Amino acid sequence: MSMNKVFTLALTAVVAVTMAPATQSSLVSAQAPSYRQVDWPQLPADFEWGQLPNLTIDHDGNIYAFHRAEPPVLKFSPAGELLKTWGEDMMVRAHGFRIAPDGNIFATDQRGHRVYKFSTEGEVLLALGEKGVPGEDASHFGGPADVAAAPNGDFFVADGHDNNRIVKFSADGTFIKAWGTKGTAPGQFDLPHTVAFDSQGRLFVGDRGNHRIQIFDQDGTFIDQWTQFGWPSGIYISPGDTIYVSDYQDKFGITIGSAKTGEVTDFVGGTEPEGVVVDAMGNVYSGEVGGRMLKKFVKQ
């Protein structure tokens, strides 16, 4: 082969690599930022955040932060005013925190191995598991990470930090079924860390250790899996089926897309989030474990 032909082939290869289409995620992250952080909330001068693994929003737009300090629950108005605190001396290690369709709140205590349901005023409505005793049966958990409730009241626990399963209960806390083992196949998990429902009633499971989201029906039948959202620590799905996925280990931000198609449409940087929630105006709130703070981002 002549030297001219070798040079031509090499040049063609370089051009091909240079012109290769960028991935959807890289194109989105390369755009000018769509969101900016604002000064929120209002806190006492001597206040110190603990690690903040999760947060939620109620039907009136109030934001609840669930952090690893006393008291663990902080309730803020939409304007950022601290309205109420509760939960003193209840949690070993605060973790999951999510509003249910009935307006009450589910919480998980990772190291206490318990799942709670609270009113928004802090009244305990339901408590499952045996405090400090891990297990993998109908009445015990192993490091429960998150809870999501279906419109009919059934709720699903991501029992993920020690176990690798999803546990389904009826509204009154009666065990229905569980599925999942450690592994990489569909329906297997490596730290199922977050769960959320879309408008179709499909269950989205953030399978963090496997760097994917798995989608199931409410009987645990596998539907699909997506890897374009990074290492999912938190998932929030809006009523319009926009999905927000927090990732503090790979993408270092919140990836936004469609829960219907999986298309990635936007990205919120400037945070290392474990938890994420979004208000009715589309403002994005992130809770940070490493940074120990609550951040609010508004659309530019």
C-alpha atoms as a PDB file:
ATOM      1  CA  MET A   1       0.000   0.000   0.000  1.00  0.00           C
ATOM      2  CA  SER A   2       1.396   3.441  -0.909  1.00  0.00           C
ATOM      3  CA  MET A   3       2.193   6.035   1.746  1.00  0.00           C
ATOM      4  CA  ASN A   4      -0.404   8.384   0.190  1.00  0.00           C
ATOM      5  CA  LYS A   5      -3.130   5.759   0.612  1.00  0.00           C
ATOM      6  CA  VAL A   6      -2.100   5.080   4.242  1.00  0.00           C
ATOM      7  CA  PHE A   7      -2.241   8.806   4.977  1.00  0.00           C
ATOM      8  CA  THR A   8      -5.675   9.100   3.329  1.00  0.00           C
ATOM      9  CA  LEU A   9      -7.109   6.200   5.357  1.00  0.00           C
ATOM     10  CA  ALA A  10      -5.723   7.607   8.610  1.00  0.00           C
ATOM     11  CA  LEU A  11      -7.114  11.056   7.865  1.00  0.00           C
ATOM     12  CA  THR A  12     -10.520   9.555   7.072  1.00  0.00           C
ATOM     13  CA  ALA A  13     -10.552   7.735  10.414  1.00  0.00           C
ATOM     14  CA  VAL A  14      -9.679  10.913  12.313  1.00  0.00           C
ATOM     15  CA  VAL A  15     -12.418  12.867  10.542  1.00  0.00           C
ATOM     16  CA  ALA A  16     -14.927  10.090  11.228  1.00  0.00           C
ATOM     17  CA  VAL A  17     -14.168  10.146  14.935  1.00  0.00           C
ATOM     18  CA  THR A  18     -14.217  13.954  15.046  1.00  0.00           C
ATOM     19  CA  MET A  19     -17.568  14.128  13.240  1.00  0.00           C
ATOM     20  CA  ALA A  20     -19.219  11.304  15.183  1.00  0.00           C
ATOM     21  CA  PRO A  21     -22.579  12.513  16.539  1.00  0.00           C
ATOM     22  CA  ALA A  22     -22.581  13.524  20.193  1.00  0.00           C
ATOM     23  CA  THR A  23     -24.855  11.674  22.529  1.00  0.00           C
ATOM     24  CA  GLN A  24     -28.152  13.225  23.518  1.00  0.00           C
ATOM     25  CA  SER A  25     -26.955  13.722  27.099  1.00  0.00           C
ATOM     26  CA  SER A  26     -23.701  15.396  26.071  1.00  0.00           C
ATOM     27  CA  LEU A  27     -25.533  17.791  23.743  1.00  0.00           C
ATOM     28  CA  VAL A  28     -27.891  18.807  26.537  1.00  0.00           C
ATOM     29  CA  SER A  29     -25.100  19.288  29.088  1.00  0.00           C
ATOM     30  CA  ALA A  30     -23.092  21.368  26.578  1.00  0.00           C
ATOM     31  CA  GLN A  31     -25.887  23.927  26.194  1.00  0.00           C
ATOM     32  CA  ALA A  32     -26.010  27.161  28.149  1.00  0.00           C
ATOM     33  CA  PRO A  33     -27.511  26.527  31.601  1.00  0.00           C
ATOM     34  CA  SER A  34     -31.320  26.554  31.621  1.00  0.00           C
ATOM     35  CA  TYR A  35     -31.565  27.004  35.400  1.00  0.00           C
ATOM     36  CA  ARG A  36     -30.003  29.341  37.934  1.00  0.00           C
ATOM     37  CA  GLN A  37     -29.734  28.908  41.680  1.00  0.00           C
ATOM     38  CA  VAL A  38     -31.559  31.409  43.889  1.00  0.00           C
ATOM     39  CA  ASP A  39     -31.180  32.316  47.566  1.00  0.00           C
ATOM     40  CA  TRP A  40     -33.645  30.017  49.324  1.00  0.00           C
ATOM     41  CA  PRO A  41     -34.790  29.158  52.031  1.00  0.00           C
ATOM     42  CA  GLN A  42     -34.717  31.566  54.975  1.00  0.00           C
ATOM     43  CA  LEU A  43     -32.827  30.044  57.918  1.00  0.00           C
ATOM     44  CA  PRO A  44     -31.751  31.183  61.379  1.00  0.00           C
ATOM     45  CA  ALA A  45     -28.203  32.523  61.516  1.00  0.00           C
ATOM     46  CA  ASP A  46     -27.010  29.671  63.713  1.00  0.00           C
ATOM     47  CA  PHE A  47     -28.667  26.913  61.665  1.00  0.00           C
ATOM     48  CA  GLU A  48     -26.543  23.995  60.448  1.00  0.00           C
ATOM     49  CA  TRP A  49     -27.728  21.435  57.926  1.00  0.00           C
ATOM     50  CA  GLY A  50     -27.110  17.758  58.448  1.00  0.00           C
ATOM     51  CA  GLN A  51     -26.714  15.498  55.444  1.00  0.00           C
ATOM     52  CA  LEU A  52     -29.842  16.049  53.350  1.00  0.00           C
ATOM     53  CA  PRO A  53     -30.739  12.854  51.478  1.00  0.00           C
ATOM     54  CA  ASN A  54     -34.313  13.720  50.555  1.00  0.00           C
ATOM     55  CA  LEU A  55     -37.135  16.218  50.359  1.00  0.00           C
ATOM     56  CA  THR A  56     -40.731  16.358  49.214  1.00  0.00           C
ATOM     57  CA  ILE A  57     -43.511  18.825  48.386  1.00  0.00           C
ATOM     58  CA  ASP A  58     -47.118  18.804  49.583  1.00  0.00           C
ATOM     59  CA  HIS A  59     -50.292  19.731  47.696  1.00  0.00           C
ATOM     60  CA  ASP A  60     -50.005  23.352  48.875  1.00  0.00           C
ATOM     61  CA  GLY A  61     -46.469  23.758  47.568  1.00  0.00           C
ATOM     62  CA  ASN A  62     -44.741  23.557  50.949  1.00  0.00           C
ATOM     63  CA  ILE A  63     -41.296  21.945  50.851  1.00  0.00           C
ATOM     64  CA  TYR A  64     -40.208  19.408  53.478  1.00  0.00           C
ATOM     65  CA  ALA A  65     -36.505  18.726  53.981  1.00  0.00           C
ATOM     66  CA  PHE A  66     -35.493  15.423  55.608  1.00  0.00           C
ATOM     67  CA  HIS A  67     -31.987  15.764  57.004  1.00  0.00           C
ATOM     68  CA  ARG A  68     -29.677  13.872  59.352  1.00  0.00           C
ATOM     69  CA  ALA A  69     -29.882  16.182  62.325  1.00  0.00           C
ATOM     70  CA  GLU A  70     -32.421  17.023  65.023  1.00  0.00           C
ATOM     71  CA  PRO A  71     -35.198  17.675  64.306  1.00  0.00           C
ATOM     72  CA  PRO A  72     -35.058  15.702  61.039  1.00  0.00           C
ATOM     73  CA  VAL A  73     -38.058  17.308  59.279  1.00  0.00           C
ATOM     74  CA  LEU A  74     -38.134  20.981  58.307  1.00  0.00           C
ATOM     75  CA  LYS A  75     -41.262  22.381  56.646  1.00  0.00           C
ATOM     76  CA  PHE A  76     -40.874  25.500  54.481  1.00  0.00           C
ATOM     77  CA  SER A  77     -43.480  27.675  52.799  1.00  0.00           C
ATOM     78  CA  PRO A  78     -43.160  28.257  49.038  1.00  0.00           C
ATOM     79  CA  ALA A  79     -41.502  31.565  49.909  1.00  0.00           C
ATOM     80  CA  GLY A  80     -38.856  29.756  51.975  1.00  0.00           C
ATOM     81  CA  GLU A  81     -40.140  30.606  55.456  1.00  0.00           C
ATOM     82  CA  LEU A  82     -39.514  27.892  58.054  1.00  0.00           C
ATOM     83  CA  LEU A  83     -43.003  26.907  59.228  1.00  0.00           C
ATOM     84  CA  LYS A  84     -42.544  23.845  61.407  1.00  0.00           C
ATOM     85  CA  THR A  85     -40.136  21.121  62.487  1.00  0.00           C
ATOM     86  CA  TRP A  86     -40.888  17.611  63.734  1.00  0.00           C
ATOM     87  CA  GLY A  87     -39.600  14.069  64.164  1.00  0.00           C
ATOM     88  CA  GLU A  88     -37.233  14.516  67.116  1.00  0.00           C
ATOM     89  CA  ASP A  89     -35.559  11.332  68.382  1.00  0.00           C
ATOM     90  CA  MET A  90     -37.285   9.086  65.842  1.00  0.00           C
ATOM     91  CA  MET A  91     -34.711   8.380  63.147  1.00  0.00           C
ATOM     92  CA  VAL A  92     -31.437   6.504  63.287  1.00  0.00           C
ATOM     93  CA  ARG A  93     -30.528   7.623  59.744  1.00  0.00           C
ATOM     94  CA  ALA A  94     -33.013   9.659  57.716  1.00  0.00           C
ATOM     95  CA  HIS A  95     -33.291   8.557  54.098  1.00  0.00           C
ATOM     96  CA  GLY A  96     -36.393   8.407  51.887  1.00  0.00           C
ATOM     97  CA  PHE A  97     -39.155  11.028  52.070  1.00  0.00           C
ATOM     98  CA  ARG A  98     -42.065  11.256  49.622  1.00  0.00           C
ATOM     99  CA  ILE A  99     -45.602  12.622  49.538  1.00  0.00           C
ATOM    100  CA  ALA A 100     -48.384  10.101  48.852  1.00  0.00           C
ATOM    101  CA  PRO A 101     -51.477  10.764  46.708  1.00  0.00           C
ATOM    102  CA  ASP A 102     -53.578  11.053  49.882  1.00  0.00           C
ATOM    103  CA  GLY A 103     -51.426  13.988  51.039  1.00  0.00           C
ATOM    104  CA  ASN A 104     -49.549  12.132  53.761  1.00  0.00           C
ATOM    105  CA  ILE A 105     -45.803  11.446  53.750  1.00  0.00           C
ATOM    106  CA  PHE A 106     -43.798   8.224  53.660  1.00  0.00           C
ATOM    107  CA  ALA A 107     -40.354   8.175  55.263  1.00  0.00           C
ATOM    108  CA  THR A 108     -37.647   5.559  55.601  1.00  0.00           C
ATOM    109  CA  ASP A 109     -35.103   5.145  58.357  1.00  0.00           C
ATOM    110  CA  GLN A 110     -32.173   3.426  56.658  1.00  0.00           C
ATOM    111  CA  ARG A 111     -30.296   2.198  59.714  1.00  0.00           C
ATOM    112  CA  GLY A 112     -33.378   1.876  61.874  1.00  0.00           C
ATOM    113  CA  HIS A 113     -34.750  -0.483  59.181  1.00  0.00           C
ATOM    114  CA  ARG A 114     -38.194   1.079  59.398  1.00  0.00           C
ATOM    115  CA  VAL A 115     -40.818   2.604  57.107  1.00  0.00           C
ATOM    116  CA  TYR A 116     -43.190   5.280  58.437  1.00  0.00           C
ATOM    117  CA  LYS A 117     -46.232   7.123  57.200  1.00  0.00           C
ATOM    118  CA  PHE A 118     -46.792  10.586  58.696  1.00  0.00           C
ATOM    119  CA  SER A 119     -49.358  13.331  58.421  1.00  0.00           C
ATOM    120  CA  THR A 120     -47.893  16.624  57.271  1.00  0.00           C
ATOM    121  CA  GLU A 121     -48.009  17.717  60.928  1.00  0.00           C
ATOM    122  CA  GLY A 122     -45.806  14.811  62.009  1.00  0.00           C
ATOM    123  CA  GLU A 123     -48.406  12.419  63.398  1.00  0.00           C
ATOM    124  CA  VAL A 124     -47.374   8.771  62.947  1.00  0.00           C
ATOM    125  CA  LEU A 125     -50.065   7.013  60.905  1.00  0.00           C
ATOM    126  CA  LEU A 126     -48.212   3.769  60.168  1.00  0.00           C
ATOM    127  CA  ALA A 127     -44.918   2.178  61.201  1.00  0.00           C
ATOM    128  CA  LEU A 128     -43.473  -0.990  59.690  1.00  0.00           C
ATOM    129  CA  GLY A 129     -40.340  -2.970  60.497  1.00  0.00           C
ATOM    130  CA  GLU A 130     -38.553  -3.644  63.753  1.00  0.00           C
ATOM    131  CA  LYS A 131     -36.319  -0.804  64.860  1.00  0.00           C
ATOM    132  CA  GLY A 132     -32.665  -1.730  64.651  1.00  0.00           C
ATOM    133  CA  VAL A 133     -33.375  -5.270  63.430  1.00  0.00           C
ATOM    134  CA  PRO A 134     -32.641  -5.907  59.741  1.00  0.00           C
ATOM    135  CA  GLY A 135     -34.279  -8.713  57.800  1.00  0.00           C
ATOM    136  CA  GLU A 136     -35.652  -9.770  54.462  1.00  0.00           C
ATOM    137  CA  ASP A 137     -39.128 -11.077  55.177  1.00  0.00           C
ATOM    138  CA  ALA A 138     -42.673  -9.697  55.251  1.00  0.00           C
ATOM    139  CA  SER A 139     -42.145  -7.744  58.473  1.00  0.00           C
ATOM    140  CA  HIS A 140     -38.500  -6.625  58.274  1.00  0.00           C
ATOM    141  CA  PHE A 141     -36.402  -4.396  56.037  1.00  0.00           C
ATOM    142  CA  GLY A 142     -32.718  -4.111  55.298  1.00  0.00           C
ATOM    143  CA  GLY A 143     -31.778  -0.473  54.793  1.00  0.00           C
ATOM    144  CA  PRO A 144     -35.004   0.795  53.185  1.00  0.00           C
ATOM    145  CA  ALA A 145     -34.240   3.670  50.837  1.00  0.00           C
ATOM    146  CA  ASP A 146     -37.495   5.076  49.458  1.00  0.00           C
ATOM    147  CA  VAL A 147     -41.275   4.601  49.182  1.00  0.00           C
ATOM    148  CA  ALA A 148     -43.798   5.432  46.460  1.00  0.00           C
ATOM    149  CA  ALA A 149     -47.580   5.054  46.734  1.00  0.00           C
ATOM    150  CA  ALA A 150     -50.032   4.251  43.933  1.00  0.00           C
ATOM    151  CA  PRO A 151     -53.372   6.106  43.655  1.00  0.00           C
ATOM    152  CA  ASN A 152     -55.223   3.117  45.186  1.00  0.00           C
ATOM    153  CA  GLY A 153     -53.052   3.353  48.309  1.00  0.00           C
ATOM    154  CA  ASP A 154     -50.766   0.389  47.666  1.00  0.00           C
ATOM    155  CA  PHE A 155     -47.187   1.405  48.382  1.00  0.00           C
ATOM    156  CA  PHE A 156     -43.823   0.107  47.256  1.00  0.00           C
ATOM    157  CA  VAL A 157     -40.615   0.151  49.293  1.00  0.00           C
ATOM    158  CA  ALA A 158     -37.182   0.244  47.684  1.00  0.00           C
ATOM    159  CA  ASP A 159     -35.536  -2.030  50.255  1.00  0.00           C
ATOM    160  CA  GLY A 160     -32.124  -1.384  48.852  1.00  0.00           C
ATOM    161  CA  HIS A 161     -29.188  -0.576  51.079  1.00  0.00           C
ATOM    162  CA  ASP A 162     -28.863  -4.074  52.543  1.00  0.00           C
ATOM    163  CA  ASN A 163     -31.435  -6.017  50.516  1.00  0.00           C
ATOM    164  CA  ASN A 164     -32.008  -5.755  46.773  1.00  0.00           C
ATOM    165  CA  ARG A 165     -35.749  -5.939  46.424  1.00  0.00           C
ATOM    166  CA  ILE A 166     -38.981  -4.021  45.961  1.00  0.00           C
ATOM    167  CA  VAL A 167     -41.662  -4.749  48.582  1.00  0.00           C
ATOM    168  CA  LYS A 168     -45.350  -4.122  47.892  1.00  0.00           C
ATOM    169  CA  PHE A 169     -47.908  -3.409  50.648  1.00  0.00           C
ATOM    170  CA  SER A 170     -51.604  -2.588  50.688  1.00  0.00           C
ATOM    171  CA  ALA A 171     -52.683   0.788  52.034  1.00  0.00           C
ATOM    172  CA  ASP A 172     -53.064  -0.557  55.575  1.00  0.00           C
ATOM    173  CA  GLY A 173     -49.526  -1.986  55.602  1.00  0.00           C
ATOM    174  CA  THR A 174     -50.391  -5.602  54.758  1.00  0.00           C
ATOM    175  CA  PHE A 175     -47.553  -7.345  52.918  1.00  0.00           C
ATOM    176  CA  ILE A 176     -48.513  -8.326  49.349  1.00  0.00           C
ATOM    177  CA  LYS A 177     -45.327  -9.434  47.597  1.00  0.00           C
ATOM    178  CA  ALA A 178     -41.649  -8.741  46.998  1.00  0.00           C
ATOM    179  CA  TRP A 179     -39.377  -9.152  44.010  1.00  0.00           C
ATOM    180  CA  GLY A 180     -35.720  -8.766  43.181  1.00  0.00           C
ATOM    181  CA  THR A 181     -32.324 -10.228  44.004  1.00  0.00           C
ATOM    182  CA  LYS A 182     -28.825  -8.870  43.565  1.00  0.00           C
ATOM    183  CA  GLY A 183     -27.700  -8.935  39.940  1.00  0.00           C
ATOM    184  CA  THR A 184     -27.738  -7.178  36.604  1.00  0.00           C
ATOM    185  CA  ALA A 185     -30.544  -8.965  34.752  1.00  0.00           C
ATOM    186  CA  PRO A 186     -33.965  -7.347  34.284  1.00  0.00           C
ATOM    187  CA  GLY A 187     -35.772  -7.486  37.616  1.00  0.00           C
ATOM    188  CA  GLN A 188     -32.525  -7.802  39.566  1.00  0.00           C
ATOM    189  CA  PHE A 189     -30.953  -4.883  41.417  1.00  0.00           C
ATOM    190  CA  ASP A 190     -27.768  -3.441  42.804  1.00  0.00           C
ATOM    191  CA  LEU A 191     -29.066  -0.942  45.380  1.00  0.00           C
ATOM    192  CA  PRO A 192     -32.583   0.050  44.348  1.00  0.00           C
ATOM    193  CA  HIS A 193     -32.405   3.565  45.769  1.00  0.00           C
ATOM    194  CA  THR A 194     -35.490   5.452  44.632  1.00  0.00           C
ATOM    195  CA  VAL A 195     -39.007   4.724  43.345  1.00  0.00           C
ATOM    196  CA  ALA A 196     -41.667   6.865  41.643  1.00  0.00           C
ATOM    197  CA  PHE A 197     -44.859   6.459  39.602  1.00  0.00           C
ATOM    198  CA  ASP A 198     -45.723   8.002  36.247  1.00  0.00           C
ATOM    199  CA  SER A 199     -49.260   8.938  35.167  1.00  0.00           C
ATOM    200  CA  GLN A 200     -49.769   5.458  33.663  1.00  0.00           C
ATOM    201  CA  GLY A 201     -49.161   3.800  37.031  1.00  0.00           C
ATOM    202  CA  ARG A 202     -45.797   2.378  36.006  1.00  0.00           C
ATOM    203  CA  LEU A 203     -43.210   2.038  38.759  1.00  0.00           C
ATOM    204  CA  PHE A 204     -39.797   3.576  38.030  1.00  0.00           C
ATOM    205  CA  VAL A 205     -36.985   2.115  40.125  1.00  0.00           C
ATOM    206  CA  GLY A 206     -33.627   3.882  40.333  1.00  0.00           C
ATOM    207  CA  ASP A 207     -31.261   0.884  40.267  1.00  0.00           C
ATOM    208  CA  ARG A 208     -28.288   2.987  41.314  1.00  0.00           C
ATOM    209  CA  GLY A 209     -25.519   0.394  41.455  1.00  0.00           C
ATOM    210  CA  ASN A 210     -26.447  -0.815  37.974  1.00  0.00           C
ATOM    211  CA  HIS A 211     -26.555   2.780  36.643  1.00  0.00           C
ATOM    212  CA  ARG A 212     -30.058   2.427  35.251  1.00  0.00           C
ATOM    213  CA  ILE A 213     -33.754   2.984  35.769  1.00  0.00           C
ATOM    214  CA  GLN A 214     -35.953  -0.104  35.553  1.00  0.00           C
ATOM    215  CA  ILE A 215     -39.668   0.237  34.810  1.00  0.00           C
ATOM    216  CA  PHE A 216     -42.267  -2.253  36.101  1.00  0.00           C
ATOM    217  CA  ASP A 217     -45.995  -2.682  36.296  1.00  0.00           C
ATOM    218  CA  GLN A 218     -47.483  -2.871  39.776  1.00  0.00           C
ATOM    219  CA  ASP A 219     -47.225  -6.664  39.839  1.00  0.00           C
ATOM    220  CA  GLY A 220     -43.466  -6.482  39.329  1.00  0.00           C
ATOM    221  CA  THR A 221     -43.457  -7.372  35.634  1.00  0.00           C
ATOM    222  CA  PHE A 222     -40.439  -5.849  33.906  1.00  0.00           C
ATOM    223  CA  ILE A 223     -41.289  -3.363  31.130  1.00  0.00           C
ATOM    224  CA  ASP A 224     -38.108  -1.512  30.164  1.00  0.00           C
ATOM    225  CA  GLN A 225     -34.787  -0.126  31.380  1.00  0.00           C
ATOM    226  CA  TRP A 226     -33.046   3.195  30.682  1.00  0.00           C
ATOM    227  CA  THR A 227     -29.389   4.072  31.155  1.00  0.00           C
ATOM    228  CA  GLN A 228     -29.375   7.665  29.848  1.00  0.00           C
ATOM    229  CA  PHE A 229     -30.144   9.217  33.249  1.00  0.00           C
ATOM    230  CA  GLY A 230     -26.904   8.242  34.971  1.00  0.00           C
ATOM    231  CA  TRP A 231     -26.666   6.787  38.467  1.00  0.00           C
ATOM    232  CA  PRO A 232     -30.133   7.519  39.869  1.00  0.00           C
ATOM    233  CA  SER A 233     -30.237   8.506  43.538  1.00  0.00           C
ATOM    234  CA  GLY A 234     -33.578  10.305  43.382  1.00  0.00           C
ATOM    235  CA  ILE A 235     -36.489  10.401  40.935  1.00  0.00           C
ATOM    236  CA  TYR A 236     -39.346  12.887  40.716  1.00  0.00           C
ATOM    237  CA  ILE A 237     -42.033  12.561  38.027  1.00  0.00           C
ATOM    238  CA  SER A 238     -44.370  15.510  37.457  1.00  0.00           C
ATOM    239  CA  PRO A 239     -48.108  15.160  36.715  1.00  0.00           C
ATOM    240  CA  GLY A 240     -47.232  15.837  33.071  1.00  0.00           C
ATOM    241  CA  ASP A 241     -44.730  12.968  33.041  1.00  0.00           C
ATOM    242  CA  THR A 242     -41.562  15.007  33.054  1.00  0.00           C
ATOM    243  CA  ILE A 243     -38.914  12.990  34.895  1.00  0.00           C
ATOM    244  CA  TYR A 244     -36.156  14.534  37.017  1.00  0.00           C
ATOM    245  CA  VAL A 245     -33.295  12.245  38.052  1.00  0.00           C
ATOM    246  CA  SER A 246     -30.659  13.285  40.594  1.00  0.00           C
ATOM    247  CA  ASP A 247     -27.128  11.915  40.326  1.00  0.00           C
ATOM    248  CA  TYR A 248     -24.229  13.013  42.544  1.00  0.00           C
ATOM    249  CA  GLN A 249     -21.827  10.255  41.465  1.00  0.00           C
ATOM    250  CA  ASP A 250     -21.555  10.467  37.677  1.00  0.00           C
ATOM    251  CA  LYS A 251     -23.464  13.339  36.068  1.00  0.00           C
ATOM    252  CA  PHE A 252     -23.301  15.610  39.149  1.00  0.00           C
ATOM    253  CA  GLY A 253     -26.666  17.215  38.614  1.00  0.00           C
ATOM    254  CA  ILE A 254     -30.282  16.591  37.697  1.00  0.00           C
ATOM    255  CA  THR A 255     -31.143  15.147  34.303  1.00  0.00           C
ATOM    256  CA  ILE A 256     -34.572  16.089  32.946  1.00  0.00           C
ATOM    257  CA  GLY A 257     -36.520  14.170  30.328  1.00  0.00           C
ATOM    258  CA  SER A 258     -39.736  12.462  29.325  1.00  0.00           C
ATOM    259  CA  ALA A 259     -41.099   9.612  31.442  1.00  0.00           C
ATOM    260  CA  LYS A 260     -43.083   8.556  28.376  1.00  0.00           C
ATOM    261  CA  THR A 261     -40.255   8.216  25.862  1.00  0.00           C
ATOM    262  CA  GLY A 262     -37.035   8.425  27.874  1.00  0.00           C
ATOM    263  CA  GLU A 263     -35.815  11.391  25.826  1.00  0.00           C
ATOM    264  CA  VAL A 264     -33.388  13.635  27.721  1.00  0.00           C
ATOM    265  CA  THR A 265     -34.299  17.305  27.343  1.00  0.00           C
ATOM    266  CA  ASP A 266     -32.413  19.359  29.931  1.00  0.00           C
ATOM    267  CA  PHE A 267     -29.945  19.334  32.806  1.00  0.00           C
ATOM    268  CA  VAL A 268     -29.548  21.207  36.098  1.00  0.00           C
ATOM    269  CA  GLY A 269     -25.929  21.596  37.158  1.00  0.00           C
ATOM    270  CA  GLY A 270     -24.383  23.315  40.129  1.00  0.00           C
ATOM    271  CA  THR A 271     -25.467  20.662  42.618  1.00  0.00           C
ATOM    272  CA  GLU A 272     -24.514  17.215  43.854  1.00  0.00           C
ATOM    273  CA  PRO A 273     -28.016  15.986  44.596  1.00  0.00           C
ATOM    274  CA  GLU A 274     -29.320  12.877  46.261  1.00  0.00           C
ATOM    275  CA  GLY A 275     -32.943  14.019  46.454  1.00  0.00           C
ATOM    276  CA  VAL A 276     -34.980  16.080  43.982  1.00  0.00           C
ATOM    277  CA  VAL A 277     -38.461  17.583  43.909  1.00  0.00           C
ATOM    278  CA  VAL A 278     -40.198  20.103  41.611  1.00  0.00           C
ATOM    279  CA  ASP A 279     -42.965  22.616  42.317  1.00  0.00           C
ATOM    280  CA  ALA A 280     -45.951  23.554  40.148  1.00  0.00           C
ATOM    281  CA  MET A 281     -43.978  26.413  38.526  1.00  0.00           C
ATOM    282  CA  GLY A 282     -41.205  24.060  37.452  1.00  0.00           C
ATOM    283  CA  ASN A 283     -38.705  25.233  40.056  1.00  0.00           C
ATOM    284  CA  VAL A 284     -36.281  22.461  40.990  1.00  0.00           C
ATOM    285  CA  TYR A 285     -35.140  21.722  44.549  1.00  0.00           C
ATOM    286  CA  SER A 286     -32.184  19.482  45.372  1.00  0.00           C
ATOM    287  CA  GLY A 287     -31.017  17.969  48.636  1.00  0.00           C
ATOM    288  CA  GLU A 288     -27.317  17.327  49.089  1.00  0.00           C
ATOM    289  CA  VAL A 289     -25.668  14.785  51.378  1.00  0.00           C
ATOM    290  CA  GLY A 290     -22.079  15.834  50.715  1.00  0.00           C
ATOM    291  CA  GLY A 291     -22.798  19.558  50.463  1.00  0.00           C
ATOM    292  CA  ARG A 292     -25.269  19.470  53.364  1.00  0.00           C
ATOM    293  CA  MET A 293     -27.688  21.980  51.920  1.00  0.00           C
ATOM    294  CA  LEU A 294     -31.011  22.547  50.186  1.00  0.00           C
ATOM    295  CA  LYS A 295     -30.871  24.343  46.834  1.00  0.00           C
ATOM    296  CA  LYS A 296     -33.545  25.909  44.652  1.00  0.00           C
ATOM    297  CA  PHE A 297     -33.155  26.424  40.901  1.00  0.00           C
ATOM    298  CA  VAL A 298     -35.433  28.502  38.674  1.00  0.00           C
ATOM    299  CA  LYS A 299     -35.779  28.429  34.904  1.00  0.00           C
ATOM    300  CA  GLN A 300     -33.824  31.199  33.156  1.00  0.00           C
END
